[in-house]
N, C-alpha and C. Protein backbone atom coordinates (compact mmCIF):
# COMPACT_ATOMS: atom_id res chain seq x y z
N MET A 1 76.99 8.77 88.57
CA MET A 1 76.87 9.94 87.71
C MET A 1 75.41 10.36 87.65
N ASN A 2 75.15 11.63 87.71
CA ASN A 2 73.81 12.18 87.63
C ASN A 2 73.37 12.17 86.17
N ASP A 3 72.24 11.51 85.85
CA ASP A 3 71.76 11.45 84.47
C ASP A 3 71.49 12.83 83.90
N ASN A 4 71.19 13.79 84.77
CA ASN A 4 70.92 15.15 84.30
C ASN A 4 72.18 15.82 83.76
N LEU A 5 73.34 15.24 83.98
CA LEU A 5 74.59 15.86 83.54
C LEU A 5 75.27 15.10 82.41
N ASP A 6 74.61 14.08 81.87
CA ASP A 6 75.21 13.33 80.77
C ASP A 6 75.17 14.12 79.47
N GLY A 7 76.24 14.08 78.71
CA GLY A 7 76.28 14.75 77.41
C GLY A 7 76.83 16.15 77.49
N ASP A 8 76.38 16.98 76.55
CA ASP A 8 76.79 18.38 76.47
C ASP A 8 75.64 19.28 76.90
N VAL A 9 75.96 20.48 77.35
CA VAL A 9 74.92 21.47 77.61
C VAL A 9 74.28 21.82 76.26
N LEU A 10 72.96 21.77 76.20
CA LEU A 10 72.25 22.06 74.95
C LEU A 10 72.21 23.56 74.72
N LEU A 11 72.76 23.99 73.59
CA LEU A 11 72.66 25.39 73.18
C LEU A 11 71.45 25.53 72.27
N CYS A 12 70.58 26.45 72.60
CA CYS A 12 69.38 26.71 71.81
C CYS A 12 69.54 28.04 71.08
N GLN A 13 69.12 28.09 69.84
CA GLN A 13 69.20 29.32 69.08
C GLN A 13 68.08 30.26 69.51
N THR A 14 68.43 31.51 69.77
CA THR A 14 67.45 32.54 70.12
C THR A 14 67.66 33.72 69.18
N VAL A 15 66.84 34.76 69.32
CA VAL A 15 66.97 35.92 68.44
C VAL A 15 68.29 36.65 68.64
N ASP A 16 68.94 36.46 69.78
CA ASP A 16 70.24 37.10 70.01
C ASP A 16 71.33 36.07 70.25
N ASP A 17 71.31 35.02 69.43
CA ASP A 17 72.32 33.96 69.39
C ASP A 17 72.06 32.89 70.44
N GLY A 18 73.08 32.09 70.75
CA GLY A 18 72.91 30.89 71.55
C GLY A 18 72.59 31.15 73.01
N GLU A 19 71.74 30.31 73.56
CA GLU A 19 71.36 30.37 74.96
C GLU A 19 71.33 28.96 75.53
N ILE A 20 71.42 28.87 76.83
CA ILE A 20 71.24 27.59 77.51
C ILE A 20 69.94 27.64 78.29
N ASP A 21 69.38 26.47 78.61
CA ASP A 21 68.13 26.39 79.34
C ASP A 21 68.39 25.83 80.72
N ASN A 22 67.91 26.52 81.73
CA ASN A 22 68.01 26.08 83.12
C ASN A 22 66.59 25.78 83.59
N THR A 23 66.30 24.49 83.78
CA THR A 23 64.98 24.08 84.23
C THR A 23 65.10 23.39 85.58
N GLY A 24 64.45 23.95 86.58
CA GLY A 24 64.48 23.35 87.91
C GLY A 24 65.86 23.29 88.51
N GLY A 25 66.72 24.21 88.14
CA GLY A 25 68.07 24.22 88.68
C GLY A 25 69.06 23.35 87.93
N PHE A 26 68.60 22.69 86.85
CA PHE A 26 69.48 21.85 86.06
C PHE A 26 69.57 22.38 84.63
N LEU A 27 70.77 22.33 84.08
CA LEU A 27 70.94 22.70 82.68
C LEU A 27 70.39 21.58 81.80
N THR A 28 69.75 21.95 80.70
CA THR A 28 69.28 20.96 79.75
C THR A 28 70.48 20.41 79.01
N MET A 29 70.58 19.09 78.98
CA MET A 29 71.72 18.43 78.37
C MET A 29 71.28 17.69 77.12
N THR A 30 72.24 17.34 76.26
CA THR A 30 71.96 16.56 75.06
C THR A 30 73.07 15.55 74.84
N GLY A 31 72.70 14.40 74.39
CA GLY A 31 73.68 13.39 74.00
C GLY A 31 73.92 13.42 72.50
N GLY A 32 73.27 14.38 71.81
CA GLY A 32 73.39 14.49 70.36
C GLY A 32 74.49 15.44 69.93
N PHE A 33 74.43 15.83 68.67
CA PHE A 33 75.47 16.66 68.07
C PHE A 33 75.10 18.14 67.98
N GLU A 34 73.94 18.54 68.52
CA GLU A 34 73.47 19.90 68.34
C GLU A 34 74.46 20.96 68.83
N THR A 35 74.99 20.77 70.04
CA THR A 35 75.89 21.77 70.61
C THR A 35 77.22 21.79 69.88
N ALA A 36 77.75 20.62 69.54
CA ALA A 36 79.00 20.58 68.78
C ALA A 36 78.83 21.27 67.44
N ALA A 37 77.70 21.02 66.77
CA ALA A 37 77.45 21.67 65.48
C ALA A 37 77.28 23.17 65.64
N TYR A 38 76.52 23.57 66.64
CA TYR A 38 76.28 25.01 66.85
C TYR A 38 77.58 25.76 67.10
N THR A 39 78.42 25.23 67.98
CA THR A 39 79.67 25.92 68.28
C THR A 39 80.63 25.89 67.09
N ALA A 40 80.60 24.83 66.29
CA ALA A 40 81.45 24.78 65.09
C ALA A 40 81.01 25.80 64.06
N LEU A 41 79.71 25.99 63.90
CA LEU A 41 79.18 26.91 62.89
C LEU A 41 79.21 28.37 63.34
N PHE A 42 79.03 28.61 64.64
CA PHE A 42 78.86 29.98 65.12
C PHE A 42 79.75 30.33 66.31
N GLY A 43 80.76 29.51 66.61
CA GLY A 43 81.55 29.72 67.82
C GLY A 43 82.88 30.40 67.65
N GLY A 44 83.24 30.76 66.47
CA GLY A 44 84.53 31.42 66.26
C GLY A 44 84.40 32.93 66.32
N ASN A 45 85.36 33.61 65.76
CA ASN A 45 85.32 35.06 65.63
C ASN A 45 84.67 35.37 64.29
N ASP A 46 83.62 36.19 64.26
CA ASP A 46 82.92 36.44 62.99
C ASP A 46 83.75 37.27 62.00
N GLU A 47 84.93 37.72 62.41
CA GLU A 47 85.84 38.40 61.48
C GLU A 47 86.90 37.46 60.91
N ASP A 48 86.86 36.20 61.32
CA ASP A 48 87.84 35.20 60.87
C ASP A 48 87.27 34.44 59.67
N PRO A 49 87.88 34.59 58.49
CA PRO A 49 87.36 33.88 57.31
C PRO A 49 87.62 32.38 57.33
N GLY A 50 88.41 31.90 58.29
CA GLY A 50 88.65 30.47 58.42
C GLY A 50 89.63 29.91 57.40
N GLU A 51 90.42 30.75 56.80
CA GLU A 51 91.40 30.31 55.81
C GLU A 51 92.79 30.25 56.45
N ASP A 52 93.84 30.36 55.64
CA ASP A 52 95.22 30.24 56.14
C ASP A 52 95.62 31.34 57.11
N ASP A 53 95.15 32.57 56.86
CA ASP A 53 95.48 33.69 57.73
C ASP A 53 94.70 33.57 59.04
N THR A 54 95.41 33.46 60.15
CA THR A 54 94.75 33.29 61.45
C THR A 54 94.76 34.57 62.28
N THR A 55 94.98 35.72 61.63
CA THR A 55 95.05 37.00 62.33
C THR A 55 93.81 37.23 63.21
N PHE A 56 92.63 36.87 62.70
CA PHE A 56 91.40 37.13 63.43
C PHE A 56 90.81 35.88 64.07
N THR A 57 91.64 34.88 64.31
CA THR A 57 91.13 33.65 64.93
C THR A 57 90.59 33.95 66.32
N TRP A 58 89.65 33.15 66.76
CA TRP A 58 89.09 33.27 68.11
C TRP A 58 90.21 33.03 69.11
N TRP A 59 90.24 33.79 70.19
CA TRP A 59 91.33 33.72 71.17
C TRP A 59 91.50 32.31 71.74
N GLY A 60 90.44 31.53 71.83
CA GLY A 60 90.54 30.17 72.37
C GLY A 60 91.32 29.21 71.49
N ASN A 61 91.56 29.61 70.23
CA ASN A 61 92.33 28.77 69.31
C ASN A 61 93.84 28.92 69.51
N ILE A 62 94.24 29.99 70.17
CA ILE A 62 95.66 30.26 70.34
C ILE A 62 96.27 29.16 71.21
N GLY A 63 97.27 28.51 70.68
CA GLY A 63 97.94 27.44 71.40
C GLY A 63 97.32 26.06 71.21
N GLU A 64 96.15 25.99 70.57
CA GLU A 64 95.53 24.69 70.33
C GLU A 64 96.20 24.03 69.14
N VAL A 65 96.82 22.89 69.36
CA VAL A 65 97.58 22.22 68.30
C VAL A 65 96.72 21.28 67.46
N ASP A 66 95.61 20.81 67.99
CA ASP A 66 94.74 19.89 67.26
C ASP A 66 93.74 20.67 66.42
N PRO A 67 93.84 20.62 65.09
CA PRO A 67 92.92 21.38 64.23
C PRO A 67 91.44 21.03 64.48
N ALA A 68 91.16 19.82 64.91
CA ALA A 68 89.77 19.41 65.17
C ALA A 68 89.18 20.13 66.38
N LYS A 69 90.04 20.76 67.18
CA LYS A 69 89.56 21.46 68.37
C LYS A 69 89.58 22.98 68.22
N ARG A 70 89.84 23.46 67.02
CA ARG A 70 89.83 24.90 66.75
C ARG A 70 88.50 25.31 66.15
N TYR A 71 87.97 26.44 66.63
CA TYR A 71 86.74 27.00 66.06
C TYR A 71 87.11 28.09 65.08
N ARG A 72 86.83 27.87 63.79
CA ARG A 72 87.12 28.87 62.77
C ARG A 72 85.82 29.44 62.19
N SER A 73 84.75 28.70 62.17
CA SER A 73 83.40 29.15 61.83
C SER A 73 83.31 29.93 60.52
N LYS A 74 83.65 29.25 59.42
CA LYS A 74 83.51 29.85 58.09
C LYS A 74 82.07 30.26 57.83
N THR A 75 81.14 29.49 58.33
CA THR A 75 79.71 29.79 58.14
C THR A 75 79.37 31.14 58.74
N GLN A 76 79.75 31.33 59.98
CA GLN A 76 79.49 32.59 60.68
C GLN A 76 80.08 33.77 59.91
N TYR A 77 81.31 33.62 59.46
CA TYR A 77 81.99 34.68 58.71
C TYR A 77 81.20 35.05 57.46
N LEU A 78 80.78 34.04 56.69
CA LEU A 78 80.06 34.31 55.45
C LEU A 78 78.72 34.99 55.70
N LEU A 79 78.04 34.63 56.77
CA LEU A 79 76.75 35.25 57.07
C LEU A 79 76.89 36.73 57.41
N HIS A 80 78.11 37.16 57.73
CA HIS A 80 78.37 38.57 58.01
C HIS A 80 79.02 39.28 56.82
N SER A 81 79.40 38.52 55.78
CA SER A 81 80.20 39.15 54.72
C SER A 81 79.69 38.99 53.30
N ILE A 82 78.74 38.08 53.06
CA ILE A 82 78.20 37.95 51.70
C ILE A 82 76.70 38.19 51.71
N PRO A 83 76.15 38.69 50.61
CA PRO A 83 74.72 39.04 50.57
C PRO A 83 73.80 37.84 50.78
N ALA A 84 72.66 38.13 51.38
CA ALA A 84 71.63 37.12 51.66
C ALA A 84 70.79 36.89 50.40
N ILE A 85 71.39 36.17 49.45
CA ILE A 85 70.70 35.85 48.21
C ILE A 85 70.81 34.35 47.94
N SER A 86 69.86 33.82 47.21
CA SER A 86 69.84 32.38 46.97
C SER A 86 71.10 31.90 46.25
N GLY A 87 71.73 32.75 45.47
CA GLY A 87 72.95 32.37 44.78
C GLY A 87 74.10 32.05 45.70
N ASN A 88 74.01 32.43 46.96
CA ASN A 88 75.07 32.16 47.93
C ASN A 88 74.79 30.95 48.83
N LEU A 89 73.65 30.29 48.63
CA LEU A 89 73.31 29.16 49.50
C LEU A 89 74.31 28.01 49.40
N LEU A 90 74.75 27.69 48.18
CA LEU A 90 75.73 26.61 48.03
C LEU A 90 77.05 26.95 48.72
N ARG A 91 77.41 28.20 48.70
CA ARG A 91 78.63 28.63 49.38
C ARG A 91 78.49 28.47 50.90
N ILE A 92 77.33 28.79 51.43
CA ILE A 92 77.07 28.62 52.86
C ILE A 92 77.08 27.13 53.22
N GLU A 93 76.46 26.30 52.38
CA GLU A 93 76.47 24.86 52.63
C GLU A 93 77.89 24.31 52.66
N ALA A 94 78.72 24.74 51.73
CA ALA A 94 80.11 24.28 51.69
C ALA A 94 80.87 24.72 52.94
N ALA A 95 80.62 25.95 53.39
CA ALA A 95 81.28 26.44 54.60
C ALA A 95 80.82 25.64 55.81
N ALA A 96 79.53 25.34 55.89
CA ALA A 96 79.01 24.57 57.02
C ALA A 96 79.60 23.16 57.03
N LEU A 97 79.70 22.55 55.86
CA LEU A 97 80.32 21.22 55.79
C LEU A 97 81.79 21.27 56.22
N ALA A 98 82.49 22.33 55.84
CA ALA A 98 83.89 22.48 56.26
C ALA A 98 83.98 22.66 57.78
N ASP A 99 83.06 23.44 58.35
CA ASP A 99 83.06 23.64 59.81
C ASP A 99 82.76 22.35 60.56
N LEU A 100 81.95 21.48 59.96
CA LEU A 100 81.55 20.23 60.61
C LEU A 100 82.45 19.05 60.25
N GLN A 101 83.43 19.28 59.40
CA GLN A 101 84.34 18.21 58.96
C GLN A 101 85.03 17.51 60.12
N PHE A 102 85.26 18.24 61.20
CA PHE A 102 85.97 17.64 62.34
C PHE A 102 85.24 16.41 62.88
N LEU A 103 83.91 16.38 62.77
CA LEU A 103 83.15 15.22 63.24
C LEU A 103 83.52 13.96 62.48
N LEU A 104 83.80 14.13 61.18
CA LEU A 104 84.25 13.01 60.36
C LEU A 104 85.71 12.69 60.64
N ASP A 105 86.52 13.74 60.81
CA ASP A 105 87.95 13.56 61.04
C ASP A 105 88.24 12.78 62.32
N ILE A 106 87.48 13.06 63.37
CA ILE A 106 87.71 12.37 64.64
C ILE A 106 86.86 11.10 64.75
N LYS A 107 86.15 10.80 63.68
CA LYS A 107 85.33 9.59 63.58
C LYS A 107 84.18 9.55 64.59
N ALA A 108 83.69 10.74 64.96
CA ALA A 108 82.50 10.83 65.80
C ALA A 108 81.24 10.60 64.96
N ALA A 109 81.35 10.85 63.65
CA ALA A 109 80.23 10.66 62.72
C ALA A 109 80.77 10.05 61.44
N ASN A 110 79.88 9.37 60.72
CA ASN A 110 80.29 8.83 59.42
C ASN A 110 79.55 9.50 58.27
N LEU A 111 78.63 10.43 58.57
CA LEU A 111 77.93 11.18 57.54
C LEU A 111 77.51 12.53 58.10
N VAL A 112 77.76 13.59 57.32
CA VAL A 112 77.30 14.93 57.67
C VAL A 112 76.72 15.55 56.41
N GLU A 113 75.48 16.02 56.50
CA GLU A 113 74.83 16.70 55.37
C GLU A 113 74.26 18.02 55.86
N VAL A 114 74.30 19.03 54.99
CA VAL A 114 73.76 20.36 55.31
C VAL A 114 72.97 20.86 54.12
N ILE A 115 71.77 21.35 54.39
CA ILE A 115 70.96 22.02 53.36
C ILE A 115 70.63 23.40 53.89
N ALA A 116 70.95 24.43 53.10
CA ALA A 116 70.69 25.81 53.47
C ALA A 116 69.49 26.33 52.68
N SER A 117 68.67 27.12 53.35
CA SER A 117 67.52 27.73 52.69
C SER A 117 67.29 29.11 53.30
N ILE A 118 66.48 29.90 52.62
CA ILE A 118 66.15 31.25 53.09
C ILE A 118 64.66 31.24 53.44
N PRO A 119 64.31 31.09 54.73
CA PRO A 119 62.90 31.01 55.11
C PRO A 119 62.19 32.37 55.19
N ALA A 120 62.97 33.44 55.32
CA ALA A 120 62.41 34.78 55.44
C ALA A 120 63.51 35.78 55.07
N LEU A 121 63.13 37.02 54.93
CA LEU A 121 64.07 38.08 54.60
C LEU A 121 65.20 38.13 55.62
N ASN A 122 66.44 38.08 55.13
CA ASN A 122 67.65 38.15 55.96
C ASN A 122 67.75 37.06 57.02
N LYS A 123 67.19 35.89 56.72
CA LYS A 123 67.28 34.73 57.59
C LYS A 123 67.83 33.56 56.78
N ILE A 124 68.53 32.68 57.44
CA ILE A 124 69.00 31.45 56.81
C ILE A 124 68.65 30.29 57.74
N LYS A 125 68.23 29.20 57.13
CA LYS A 125 67.95 27.98 57.90
C LYS A 125 68.94 26.93 57.43
N LEU A 126 69.66 26.36 58.37
CA LEU A 126 70.58 25.27 58.09
C LEU A 126 69.96 23.99 58.64
N SER A 127 69.59 23.08 57.73
CA SER A 127 69.06 21.78 58.12
C SER A 127 70.22 20.80 58.08
N ILE A 128 70.50 20.19 59.22
CA ILE A 128 71.70 19.38 59.37
C ILE A 128 71.31 17.94 59.71
N LYS A 129 71.97 17.02 59.03
CA LYS A 129 71.79 15.60 59.32
C LYS A 129 73.17 15.02 59.61
N ILE A 130 73.30 14.36 60.74
CA ILE A 130 74.55 13.73 61.14
C ILE A 130 74.23 12.28 61.50
N GLU A 131 75.00 11.37 60.93
CA GLU A 131 74.82 9.96 61.23
C GLU A 131 76.08 9.43 61.90
N ALA A 132 75.87 8.70 62.99
CA ALA A 132 76.98 8.08 63.72
C ALA A 132 76.56 6.68 64.12
N ASN A 133 77.32 5.70 63.65
CA ASN A 133 77.04 4.30 63.99
C ASN A 133 75.59 3.92 63.71
N GLY A 134 75.06 4.38 62.59
CA GLY A 134 73.70 4.03 62.19
C GLY A 134 72.61 4.84 62.87
N ILE A 135 72.95 5.69 63.82
CA ILE A 135 71.96 6.54 64.49
C ILE A 135 72.01 7.92 63.84
N GLN A 136 70.85 8.37 63.38
CA GLN A 136 70.77 9.63 62.65
C GLN A 136 70.22 10.73 63.54
N SER A 137 70.87 11.89 63.54
CA SER A 137 70.40 13.08 64.24
C SER A 137 70.08 14.14 63.19
N GLU A 138 68.93 14.76 63.33
CA GLU A 138 68.56 15.86 62.43
C GLU A 138 68.11 17.04 63.27
N PHE A 139 68.59 18.22 62.92
CA PHE A 139 68.19 19.43 63.62
C PHE A 139 68.40 20.62 62.69
N GLU A 140 67.87 21.77 63.09
CA GLU A 140 67.95 22.97 62.26
C GLU A 140 68.36 24.16 63.12
N PHE A 141 69.06 25.07 62.49
CA PHE A 141 69.37 26.37 63.09
C PHE A 141 68.86 27.43 62.14
N THR A 142 68.08 28.36 62.65
CA THR A 142 67.66 29.52 61.86
C THR A 142 68.39 30.72 62.44
N GLU A 143 69.09 31.41 61.58
CA GLU A 143 70.03 32.44 62.01
C GLU A 143 69.80 33.70 61.18
N ASN A 144 70.19 34.85 61.72
CA ASN A 144 70.18 36.09 60.94
C ASN A 144 71.27 36.02 59.89
N TRP A 145 70.96 36.50 58.70
CA TRP A 145 71.96 36.64 57.63
C TRP A 145 72.15 38.13 57.49
N GLU A 146 73.20 38.63 58.08
CA GLU A 146 73.35 40.06 58.32
C GLU A 146 73.98 40.86 57.19
N ALA A 147 74.71 40.20 56.30
CA ALA A 147 75.38 40.95 55.23
C ALA A 147 74.34 41.44 54.22
N MET A 148 74.53 42.62 53.73
CA MET A 148 73.58 43.22 52.77
C MET A 148 74.20 43.23 51.38
N ALA A 149 73.35 43.12 50.39
CA ALA A 149 73.82 43.20 48.99
C ALA A 149 74.31 44.62 48.75
N SER A 150 75.36 44.73 47.94
CA SER A 150 75.90 46.07 47.67
C SER A 150 75.33 46.63 46.39
């Protein structure tokens, strides 16, 4: 096996959403949880609230019987539908924890924590800590918070 291909393709956050890095003809890979977390938080349909109604579910969820393999992305939905105010940070944290619950359900991790903050106007930073078998991974995503206060 080529060591350059171990793990998942690393998705990096950019100003226009997720990107991959190609260095020297090889994709940058990760053995951590960054890509799984990124796709869980931002990989669904941004019109899908992630609740019982699946009318706006991402097309890749159709026919998937294992709930742990469905992308519903409550976090993404909220960032497009509720105002970017500090009073909504706990709601975003709860959505992110719900999106990442699959890591606990499939026993890939034994701890998931999320802290949301507003580092700049219309931006949100999600600081994520995931622990698996005593090994801790910490990373952050800074994303546009597009919904406007009414």
